[in-house]
């Protein structure tokens, strides 16, 4: 089936570009059903996207791309699209991921650039299709449930005791409250160094934004600074988090009444929510979708949960549960 779609995509690209296509060159896949290929119109390189319906829809990507571009942020240009077939042709942003360029020496400079762009995205709360979906309580809880359902139950084959179930519920309740009490802004929702391209000196471009929502103001920042795929020293992350806090206050995106400590708590607990979700998704990608490549990222992601929970006395029992039950089970599986 994939080969049939690839042949059809190649024929569609030829019809759009008027240029005979050699075999499409795979660029990458991601955690969805989408696939990406490099092609050409005879003069420039292009990216062909296979987003098979009904699993994928091109409309959100196209609408959000237009709104982000209007906000002054660099995103792929949509050259052509066939929504019925699920085919799209984009400008090629190159192959240099921000992740590959980062070092402890330069990460602050790169991340400050990305945070500046992030502030430009925050006011984007609607597109030509209408308001972006809300990151509401129901969605937050569905995401948190992925950890219990896919990592704890399916991957680690653990069953929670009554006491552990109560502990889990209290943990989830705290994270949902934290997310909903924050200012709600436009959220990219997958804002990390694998979805940011370096396209010039100090110039970044952004991809994979089709799931954008209106949600907590710290969500994208913690996705970037506490990336599931790379970990930075706590002091540098705190410094960058506070850099964003000060600039948001200067721009009026958060109230002067929000203290630095309140901001940091929002940020830290938002990270707990995102990493809880991500660990569950990584397990689901393996067990449901047959994608084993994300298993190696689970220990780092759970490590974030353990360490950040340890900064807050209210989560001390949860931290002990992670150390007692979850982390040893992960180590045993990877042994």
Protein backbone atom coordinates (compact mmCIF):
# COMPACT_ATOMS: atom_id res chain seq x y z
CA UNK A 1 0.00 0.00 0.00
CA UNK A 2 2.82 2.41 0.87
CA UNK A 3 4.51 1.71 -2.48
CA UNK A 4 1.24 2.37 -4.32
CA UNK A 5 0.88 5.71 -2.54
CA UNK A 6 4.50 6.55 -3.31
CA UNK A 7 3.95 5.86 -7.03
CA UNK A 8 0.79 7.98 -6.97
CA UNK A 9 2.61 10.78 -5.12
CA UNK A 10 5.42 10.74 -7.69
CA UNK A 11 2.92 10.98 -10.56
CA UNK A 12 1.14 13.86 -8.81
CA UNK A 13 4.45 15.70 -8.29
CA UNK A 14 5.20 15.33 -12.01
CA UNK A 15 1.78 16.75 -12.89
CA UNK A 16 2.38 19.77 -10.64
CA UNK A 17 5.99 20.53 -11.56
CA UNK A 18 5.93 19.46 -15.20
CA UNK A 19 9.25 17.78 -14.44
CA UNK A 20 9.94 14.07 -14.78
CA UNK A 21 10.64 12.72 -11.30
CA UNK A 22 13.29 10.24 -10.37
CA UNK A 23 12.35 7.95 -7.51
CA UNK A 24 11.31 10.06 -4.53
CA UNK A 25 14.00 10.21 -1.85
CA UNK A 26 12.68 9.53 1.67
CA UNK A 27 13.54 12.36 4.05
CA UNK A 28 11.91 11.18 7.24
CA UNK A 29 8.77 9.96 8.87
CA UNK A 30 7.50 11.09 12.22
CA UNK A 31 5.30 9.81 15.02
CA UNK A 32 2.24 10.04 12.76
CA UNK A 33 1.17 8.45 9.46
CA UNK A 34 2.81 11.23 7.42
CA UNK A 35 5.85 10.55 5.24
CA UNK A 36 8.20 13.08 3.65
CA UNK A 37 10.23 12.84 0.43
CA UNK A 38 12.69 15.13 -1.33
CA UNK A 39 11.94 15.89 -4.97
CA UNK A 40 12.58 18.67 -7.50
CA UNK A 41 10.89 20.85 -10.09
CA UNK A 42 14.09 20.93 -12.15
CA UNK A 43 15.30 24.18 -10.57
CA UNK A 44 14.92 23.78 -6.83
CA UNK A 45 14.52 21.09 -4.24
CA UNK A 46 11.03 20.51 -2.84
CA UNK A 47 9.45 18.36 -0.14
CA UNK A 48 6.62 16.01 -1.11
CA UNK A 49 4.31 15.02 1.74
CA UNK A 50 2.22 11.87 1.90
CA UNK A 51 -0.53 12.35 4.50
CA UNK A 52 -2.98 9.49 3.90
CA UNK A 53 -6.63 10.26 4.59
CA UNK A 54 -8.58 9.63 6.74
CA UNK A 55 -5.78 9.32 9.31
CA UNK A 56 -4.32 12.69 8.29
CA UNK A 57 -5.75 15.98 7.05
CA UNK A 58 -3.79 18.66 5.20
CA UNK A 59 -6.18 21.50 6.06
CA UNK A 60 -4.85 22.34 9.56
CA UNK A 61 -1.23 22.41 8.37
CA UNK A 62 -2.04 24.68 5.45
CA UNK A 63 -4.14 27.09 7.50
CA UNK A 64 -1.67 27.31 10.38
CA UNK A 65 1.26 27.74 7.97
CA UNK A 66 -0.47 30.78 6.50
CA UNK A 67 -1.15 32.28 9.93
CA UNK A 68 2.39 31.64 11.20
CA UNK A 69 3.89 33.16 8.05
CA UNK A 70 1.66 36.22 8.50
CA UNK A 71 3.05 36.51 12.05
CA UNK A 72 6.56 36.79 10.60
CA UNK A 73 7.75 33.27 11.43
CA UNK A 74 9.51 31.16 8.80
CA UNK A 75 7.58 28.00 7.88
CA UNK A 76 7.46 25.85 4.73
CA UNK A 77 5.65 27.44 1.80
CA UNK A 78 2.78 25.33 0.49
CA UNK A 79 3.39 25.04 -3.27
CA UNK A 80 0.45 22.76 -4.06
CA UNK A 81 -1.90 20.34 -2.33
CA UNK A 82 -4.44 17.68 -3.18
CA UNK A 83 -6.52 17.19 -0.06
CA UNK A 84 -8.53 14.26 -1.44
CA UNK A 85 -5.39 12.24 -2.09
CA UNK A 86 -3.49 13.60 0.92
CA UNK A 87 -0.56 14.93 -1.12
CA UNK A 88 1.25 18.21 -0.58
CA UNK A 89 4.31 19.92 -2.08
CA UNK A 90 6.33 22.24 0.16
CA UNK A 91 9.39 24.44 -0.13
CA UNK A 92 12.53 22.65 1.11
CA UNK A 93 13.97 24.13 4.31
CA UNK A 94 17.08 21.95 4.07
CA UNK A 95 18.17 19.18 6.39
CA UNK A 96 19.87 20.97 9.30
CA UNK A 97 17.88 20.32 12.46
CA UNK A 98 18.51 22.65 15.38
CA UNK A 99 19.17 19.55 17.49
CA UNK A 100 22.28 18.76 15.44
CA UNK A 101 23.72 22.25 15.98
CA UNK A 102 23.27 22.57 19.74
CA UNK A 103 26.11 22.47 22.26
CA UNK A 104 26.24 23.60 25.89
CA UNK A 105 28.22 26.60 24.65
CA UNK A 106 25.78 27.83 21.99
CA UNK A 107 22.43 26.50 23.21
CA UNK A 108 21.47 29.70 25.04
CA UNK A 109 21.94 31.82 21.90
CA UNK A 110 19.95 29.43 19.71
CA UNK A 111 17.18 29.00 22.28
CA UNK A 112 16.83 32.74 22.82
CA UNK A 113 16.29 33.05 19.07
CA UNK A 114 13.66 30.30 19.18
CA UNK A 115 11.95 31.88 22.20
CA UNK A 116 11.72 35.19 20.35
CA UNK A 117 9.97 33.38 17.50
CA UNK A 118 7.77 31.58 20.01
CA UNK A 119 6.50 34.91 21.32
CA UNK A 120 5.48 35.79 17.75
CA UNK A 121 3.45 32.56 17.55
CA UNK A 122 1.60 33.04 20.84
CA UNK A 123 -0.93 35.58 19.48
CA UNK A 124 -1.91 33.13 16.70
CA UNK A 125 -5.10 31.71 18.19
CA UNK A 126 -7.10 31.31 14.99
CA UNK A 127 -6.67 30.65 11.27
CA UNK A 128 -8.82 31.01 8.17
CA UNK A 129 -10.59 27.84 9.38
CA UNK A 130 -11.64 29.54 12.63
CA UNK A 131 -10.39 29.41 16.25
CA UNK A 132 -7.73 26.83 17.08
CA UNK A 133 -8.95 23.95 19.27
CA UNK A 134 -8.71 24.49 23.03
CA UNK A 135 -6.24 22.54 25.14
CA UNK A 136 -9.01 21.85 27.63
CA UNK A 137 -9.29 19.62 30.69
CA UNK A 138 -10.58 16.66 28.70
CA UNK A 139 -7.58 16.73 26.35
CA UNK A 140 -5.11 17.20 29.21
CA UNK A 141 -6.54 14.18 31.02
CA UNK A 142 -6.59 12.02 27.87
CA UNK A 143 -2.91 12.80 27.39
CA UNK A 144 -2.02 12.02 31.00
CA UNK A 145 -3.88 8.71 30.73
CA UNK A 146 -1.42 7.60 28.03
CA UNK A 147 1.24 7.15 30.72
CA UNK A 148 -0.96 4.83 32.77
CA UNK A 149 -2.47 2.95 29.84
CA UNK A 150 0.55 2.50 27.58
CA UNK A 151 3.70 2.82 29.68
CA UNK A 152 2.65 1.45 33.06
CA UNK A 153 0.05 -1.13 32.02
CA UNK A 154 1.02 -2.19 28.48
CA UNK A 155 4.79 -1.67 28.40
CA UNK A 156 5.82 -2.39 32.00
CA UNK A 157 2.92 -4.78 32.75
CA UNK A 158 2.34 -3.16 36.15
CA UNK A 159 -0.97 -2.92 38.01
CA UNK A 160 -1.44 -0.02 40.39
CA UNK A 161 -2.51 -0.66 43.96
CA UNK A 162 -5.39 1.34 45.43
CA UNK A 163 -2.89 3.69 47.11
CA UNK A 164 -0.95 4.13 43.86
CA UNK A 165 -4.17 4.88 41.97
CA UNK A 166 -4.98 7.67 44.45
CA UNK A 167 -1.44 9.02 44.18
CA UNK A 168 -1.71 9.00 40.37
CA UNK A 169 -5.08 10.77 40.45
CA UNK A 170 -3.81 13.51 42.78
CA UNK A 171 -0.77 14.01 40.55
CA UNK A 172 -2.95 14.36 37.45
CA UNK A 173 -5.35 16.75 39.21
CA UNK A 174 -2.46 19.05 40.18
CA UNK A 175 -1.10 19.13 36.63
CA UNK A 176 -4.50 19.87 35.09
CA UNK A 177 -5.13 22.71 37.56
CA UNK A 178 -1.68 24.14 36.81
CA UNK A 179 -2.26 24.08 33.05
CA UNK A 180 -5.71 25.67 33.17
CA UNK A 181 -4.78 28.50 35.54
CA UNK A 182 -2.13 29.85 33.15
CA UNK A 183 -2.77 32.49 30.47
CA UNK A 184 -3.98 30.69 27.34
CA UNK A 185 -2.17 31.51 24.08
CA UNK A 186 -1.44 29.99 20.68
CA UNK A 187 0.52 26.76 21.23
CA UNK A 188 2.54 24.99 18.49
CA UNK A 189 2.34 21.82 20.60
CA UNK A 190 5.49 20.12 19.30
CA UNK A 191 8.00 22.93 19.67
CA UNK A 192 11.36 21.18 20.09
CA UNK A 193 14.76 20.95 18.43
CA UNK A 194 13.78 18.15 16.01
CA UNK A 195 11.00 20.36 14.62
CA UNK A 196 13.14 23.48 14.22
CA UNK A 197 15.33 23.91 11.14
CA UNK A 198 18.44 26.08 10.88
CA UNK A 199 18.04 27.94 7.58
CA UNK A 200 20.69 30.64 7.97
CA UNK A 201 22.91 32.37 10.53
CA UNK A 202 20.65 32.83 13.56
CA UNK A 203 17.62 32.13 11.36
CA UNK A 204 15.22 29.36 12.30
CA UNK A 205 12.20 27.81 10.60
CA UNK A 206 9.44 25.68 12.11
CA UNK A 207 7.66 22.50 11.03
CA UNK A 208 5.14 19.94 12.36
CA UNK A 209 2.68 22.51 13.70
CA UNK A 210 -0.55 20.97 12.37
CA UNK A 211 -1.77 20.09 15.89
CA UNK A 212 -1.60 23.69 17.17
CA UNK A 213 -4.09 24.65 19.88
CA UNK A 214 -4.89 27.44 22.31
CA UNK A 215 -3.32 26.38 25.60
CA UNK A 216 -1.00 27.12 28.53
CA UNK A 217 1.59 29.83 27.95
CA UNK A 218 4.48 27.68 29.25
CA UNK A 219 3.72 24.62 27.11
CA UNK A 220 5.91 25.31 24.09
CA UNK A 221 8.71 26.76 26.21
CA UNK A 222 9.00 23.61 28.30
CA UNK A 223 8.80 21.48 25.13
CA UNK A 224 11.86 23.33 23.86
CA UNK A 225 13.92 23.71 27.02
CA UNK A 226 13.14 20.30 28.53
CA UNK A 227 13.27 18.46 25.23
CA UNK A 228 12.52 14.72 25.31
CA UNK A 229 15.47 14.15 22.94
CA UNK A 230 18.21 16.12 24.69
CA UNK A 231 18.80 17.28 28.26
CA UNK A 232 20.50 20.47 29.41
CA UNK A 233 21.81 21.58 32.83
CA UNK A 234 19.06 22.76 35.18
CA UNK A 235 20.69 26.17 35.71
CA UNK A 236 20.76 26.95 31.97
CA UNK A 237 17.15 25.87 31.56
CA UNK A 238 16.07 28.05 34.49
CA UNK A 239 17.95 31.02 33.05
CA UNK A 240 16.23 30.64 29.67
CA UNK A 241 12.83 30.14 31.29
CA UNK A 242 13.30 33.40 33.18
CA UNK A 243 14.51 35.11 29.99
CA UNK A 244 11.16 34.26 28.40
CA UNK A 245 9.24 35.33 31.52
CA UNK A 246 10.83 38.80 31.49
CA UNK A 247 10.22 39.29 27.77
CA UNK A 248 6.60 38.15 28.05
CA UNK A 249 6.04 40.70 30.79
CA UNK A 250 7.66 43.42 28.68
CA UNK A 251 5.32 42.54 25.80
CA UNK A 252 2.25 42.41 28.03
CA UNK A 253 1.61 38.73 27.35
CA UNK A 254 1.61 37.97 31.07
CA UNK A 255 0.58 40.22 33.94
CA UNK A 256 3.10 42.06 36.07
CA UNK A 257 1.33 40.36 38.99
CA UNK A 258 2.78 36.98 37.96
CA UNK A 259 5.92 36.48 40.03
CA UNK A 260 9.07 34.76 38.81
CA UNK A 261 8.37 31.95 41.28
CA UNK A 262 4.80 31.50 39.99
CA UNK A 263 6.09 31.41 36.42
CA UNK A 264 8.69 28.79 37.31
CA UNK A 265 6.08 26.61 38.98
CA UNK A 266 3.83 26.88 35.92
CA UNK A 267 6.81 25.92 33.75
CA UNK A 268 7.95 22.98 35.90
CA UNK A 269 4.50 21.44 36.32
CA UNK A 270 3.73 21.93 32.64
CA UNK A 271 6.89 19.93 31.97
CA UNK A 272 5.59 17.16 34.21
CA UNK A 273 2.39 17.03 32.16
CA UNK A 274 4.21 16.99 28.82
CA UNK A 275 6.74 14.36 29.87
CA UNK A 276 4.02 12.17 31.36
CA UNK A 277 2.19 12.32 28.03
CA UNK A 278 5.36 11.80 25.98
CA UNK A 279 6.46 8.70 27.90
CA UNK A 280 3.04 7.18 27.23
CA UNK A 281 3.17 8.11 23.55
CA UNK A 282 6.64 6.57 23.13
CA UNK A 283 5.32 3.29 24.57
CA UNK A 284 2.22 3.46 22.36
CA UNK A 285 4.32 4.05 19.25
CA UNK A 286 6.09 0.77 19.97
CA UNK A 287 3.17 -1.42 20.99
CA UNK A 288 0.46 -0.06 18.67
CA UNK A 289 2.41 1.29 15.69
CA UNK A 290 5.51 -0.91 15.65
CA UNK A 291 7.90 2.06 15.98
CA UNK A 292 10.71 1.03 18.32
CA UNK A 293 12.90 4.09 17.77
CA UNK A 294 11.33 6.08 20.59
CA UNK A 295 11.88 3.46 23.32
CA UNK A 296 15.37 4.83 23.98
CA UNK A 297 13.85 8.21 24.87
CA UNK A 298 11.60 6.86 27.64
CA UNK A 299 14.27 6.67 30.41
CA UNK A 300 15.30 10.30 29.78
CA UNK A 301 11.68 11.41 29.79
CA UNK A 302 10.89 9.55 33.02
CA UNK A 303 14.14 10.95 34.43
CA UNK A 304 12.74 14.45 33.93
CA UNK A 305 9.60 13.40 35.82
CA UNK A 306 11.63 12.05 38.73
CA UNK A 307 13.95 15.03 39.00
CA UNK A 308 11.39 17.83 38.57
CA UNK A 309 8.90 16.15 40.92
CA UNK A 310 11.71 16.19 43.48
CA UNK A 311 11.76 20.00 43.42
CA UNK A 312 8.24 20.16 44.91
CA UNK A 313 7.42 18.63 48.34
CA UNK A 314 3.82 17.94 47.23
CA UNK A 315 5.17 15.43 44.69
CA UNK A 316 7.72 13.73 46.95
CA UNK A 317 5.63 10.56 47.27
CA UNK A 318 5.11 10.47 43.51
CA UNK A 319 8.86 10.83 43.00
CA UNK A 320 9.48 7.92 45.37
CA UNK A 321 6.96 5.80 43.43
CA UNK A 322 8.77 6.54 40.16
CA UNK A 323 12.09 5.57 41.75
CA UNK A 324 10.66 2.45 43.39
CA UNK A 325 8.41 1.06 40.67
CA UNK A 326 8.81 2.70 37.27
CA UNK A 327 12.53 3.35 36.79
CA UNK A 328 13.67 -0.13 37.94
CA UNK A 329 11.09 -1.75 35.64
CA UNK A 330 12.41 0.31 32.71
CA UNK A 331 15.99 -0.69 33.53
CA UNK A 332 14.99 -4.34 33.70
CA UNK A 333 13.36 -4.15 30.26
CA UNK A 334 16.41 -2.55 28.67
CA UNK A 335 18.91 -4.90 30.31
